[in-house]
């Protein structure tokens, strides 16, 4: 994935267009300053929410369960046997 990088001054000048781009293209924009520690990434709200959901699923162990089930080659899962409350 190619990344787009702006310095803070150019990002500020083009902020509205950058907002439109990250929402349309779903590609992050890096804002890199000459001052160390003043760097950031601009992403769409939809992408941010997706990242947060993935982190929550990872932290709660749900992704581990999904990975186990993906490796299950029995070809059938009875959904009535899934303990949905303890995923």
C-alpha atoms as a PDB file:
ATOM      1  CA  UNK A   1       0.000   0.000   0.000  1.00  0.00           C
ATOM      2  CA  UNK A   2       1.459   3.325  -0.980  1.00  0.00           C
ATOM      3  CA  UNK A   3       1.373   5.961   1.695  1.00  0.00           C
ATOM      4  CA  UNK A   4       0.813   9.664   1.397  1.00  0.00           C
ATOM      5  CA  UNK A   5       2.895  11.965   3.559  1.00  0.00           C
ATOM      6  CA  UNK A   6       2.458  15.652   4.304  1.00  0.00           C
ATOM      7  CA  UNK A   7       4.273  18.068   6.549  1.00  0.00           C
ATOM      8  CA  UNK A   8       1.995  19.839   9.077  1.00  0.00           C
ATOM      9  CA  UNK A   9       1.837  23.092   7.095  1.00  0.00           C
ATOM     10  CA  UNK A  10       0.727  21.370   3.885  1.00  0.00           C
ATOM     11  CA  UNK A  11      -1.679  19.143   5.796  1.00  0.00           C
ATOM     12  CA  UNK A  12      -3.259  22.223   7.368  1.00  0.00           C
ATOM     13  CA  UNK A  13      -3.587  23.936   3.960  1.00  0.00           C
ATOM     14  CA  UNK A  14      -5.227  20.845   2.432  1.00  0.00           C
ATOM     15  CA  UNK A  15      -7.081  19.548   5.495  1.00  0.00           C
ATOM     16  CA  UNK A  16     -10.588  19.416   4.015  1.00  0.00           C
ATOM     17  CA  UNK A  17      -9.378  17.618   0.890  1.00  0.00           C
ATOM     18  CA  UNK A  18      -7.373  15.189   3.051  1.00  0.00           C
ATOM     19  CA  UNK A  19     -10.517  14.393   5.042  1.00  0.00           C
ATOM     20  CA  UNK A  20     -12.367  13.675   1.822  1.00  0.00           C
ATOM     21  CA  UNK A  21      -9.506  11.498   0.533  1.00  0.00           C
ATOM     22  CA  UNK A  22      -9.152   9.291   3.617  1.00  0.00           C
ATOM     23  CA  UNK A  23     -12.887   8.640   3.598  1.00  0.00           C
ATOM     24  CA  UNK A  24     -13.075   7.960  -0.123  1.00  0.00           C
ATOM     25  CA  UNK A  25      -9.863   5.942  -0.580  1.00  0.00           C
ATOM     26  CA  UNK A  26      -9.491   4.407   2.905  1.00  0.00           C
ATOM     27  CA  UNK A  27      -5.747   5.065   2.776  1.00  0.00           C
ATOM     28  CA  UNK A  28      -3.979   6.671   5.678  1.00  0.00           C
ATOM     29  CA  UNK A  29      -2.180   9.973   5.418  1.00  0.00           C
ATOM     30  CA  UNK A  30       0.958  10.466   7.468  1.00  0.00           C
ATOM     31  CA  UNK A  31       1.680  13.915   8.815  1.00  0.00           C
ATOM     32  CA  UNK A  32       5.394  14.055   9.524  1.00  0.00           C
ATOM     33  CA  UNK A  33       7.027  17.009  11.251  1.00  0.00           C
ATOM     34  CA  UNK A  34      10.668  17.982  11.382  1.00  0.00           C
ATOM     35  CA  UNK A  35      10.245  18.015  15.166  1.00  0.00           C
ATOM     36  CA  UNK A  36      10.521  14.517  16.563  1.00  0.00           C
ATOM     37  CA  UNK A  37       7.380  13.485  18.416  1.00  0.00           C
ATOM     38  CA  UNK A  38       5.006  15.705  16.432  1.00  0.00           C
ATOM     39  CA  UNK A  39       3.928  13.074  13.912  1.00  0.00           C
ATOM     40  CA  UNK A  40       0.433  11.730  13.316  1.00  0.00           C
ATOM     41  CA  UNK A  41      -1.701   9.627  11.013  1.00  0.00           C
ATOM     42  CA  UNK A  42      -5.033  10.716   9.551  1.00  0.00           C
ATOM     43  CA  UNK A  43      -7.550   7.930   8.880  1.00  0.00           C
ATOM     44  CA  UNK A  44     -11.293   7.765   8.314  1.00  0.00           C
ATOM     45  CA  UNK A  45     -13.642   7.291  11.241  1.00  0.00           C
ATOM     46  CA  UNK A  46     -14.831   4.037   9.656  1.00  0.00           C
ATOM     47  CA  UNK A  47     -11.268   2.677   9.563  1.00  0.00           C
ATOM     48  CA  UNK A  48     -10.628   3.827  13.149  1.00  0.00           C
ATOM     49  CA  UNK A  49     -13.774   2.058  14.380  1.00  0.00           C
ATOM     50  CA  UNK A  50     -12.704  -1.086  12.539  1.00  0.00           C
ATOM     51  CA  UNK A  51      -9.294  -0.982  14.215  1.00  0.00           C
ATOM     52  CA  UNK A  52     -10.915  -0.495  17.619  1.00  0.00           C
ATOM     53  CA  UNK A  53     -13.281  -3.429  17.028  1.00  0.00           C
ATOM     54  CA  UNK A  54     -10.402  -5.678  15.976  1.00  0.00           C
ATOM     55  CA  UNK A  55      -8.428  -4.722  19.083  1.00  0.00           C
ATOM     56  CA  UNK A  56     -11.433  -5.432  21.307  1.00  0.00           C
ATOM     57  CA  UNK A  57     -11.969  -8.843  19.680  1.00  0.00           C
ATOM     58  CA  UNK A  58      -8.285  -9.642  20.146  1.00  0.00           C
ATOM     59  CA  UNK A  59      -8.250  -8.534  23.782  1.00  0.00           C
ATOM     60  CA  UNK A  60     -11.374 -10.524  24.685  1.00  0.00           C
ATOM     61  CA  UNK A  61     -10.132 -13.721  23.026  1.00  0.00           C
ATOM     62  CA  UNK A  62     -12.849 -13.819  20.379  1.00  0.00           C
ATOM     63  CA  UNK A  63     -10.307 -13.738  17.532  1.00  0.00           C
ATOM     64  CA  UNK A  64      -8.600 -16.811  18.995  1.00  0.00           C
ATOM     65  CA  UNK A  65     -11.923 -18.643  18.821  1.00  0.00           C
ATOM     66  CA  UNK A  66     -12.460 -17.500  15.230  1.00  0.00           C
ATOM     67  CA  UNK A  67      -8.975 -18.683  14.259  1.00  0.00           C
ATOM     68  CA  UNK A  68      -9.627 -22.104  15.825  1.00  0.00           C
ATOM     69  CA  UNK A  69     -12.891 -22.443  13.957  1.00  0.00           C
ATOM     70  CA  UNK A  70     -11.274 -21.410  10.695  1.00  0.00           C
ATOM     71  CA  UNK A  71      -8.886 -24.345  11.076  1.00  0.00           C
ATOM     72  CA  UNK A  72     -11.757 -26.754  11.788  1.00  0.00           C
ATOM     73  CA  UNK A  73     -12.010 -28.783   8.587  1.00  0.00           C
ATOM     74  CA  UNK A  74     -15.019 -30.852   9.619  1.00  0.00           C
ATOM     75  CA  UNK A  75     -17.110 -28.840   7.179  1.00  0.00           C
ATOM     76  CA  UNK A  76     -20.009 -28.400   9.588  1.00  0.00           C
ATOM     77  CA  UNK A  77     -20.689 -26.352  12.681  1.00  0.00           C
ATOM     78  CA  UNK A  78     -23.947 -26.729  14.523  1.00  0.00           C
ATOM     79  CA  UNK A  79     -24.736 -23.188  15.620  1.00  0.00           C
ATOM     80  CA  UNK A  80     -26.965 -24.533  18.402  1.00  0.00           C
ATOM     81  CA  UNK A  81     -23.865 -26.002  20.051  1.00  0.00           C
ATOM     82  CA  UNK A  82     -21.967 -22.686  20.132  1.00  0.00           C
ATOM     83  CA  UNK A  83     -21.804 -21.093  23.576  1.00  0.00           C
ATOM     84  CA  UNK A  84     -22.416 -17.551  22.316  1.00  0.00           C
ATOM     85  CA  UNK A  85     -22.231 -16.019  25.806  1.00  0.00           C
ATOM     86  CA  UNK A  86     -18.704 -17.325  26.364  1.00  0.00           C
ATOM     87  CA  UNK A  87     -17.021 -16.540  23.064  1.00  0.00           C
END
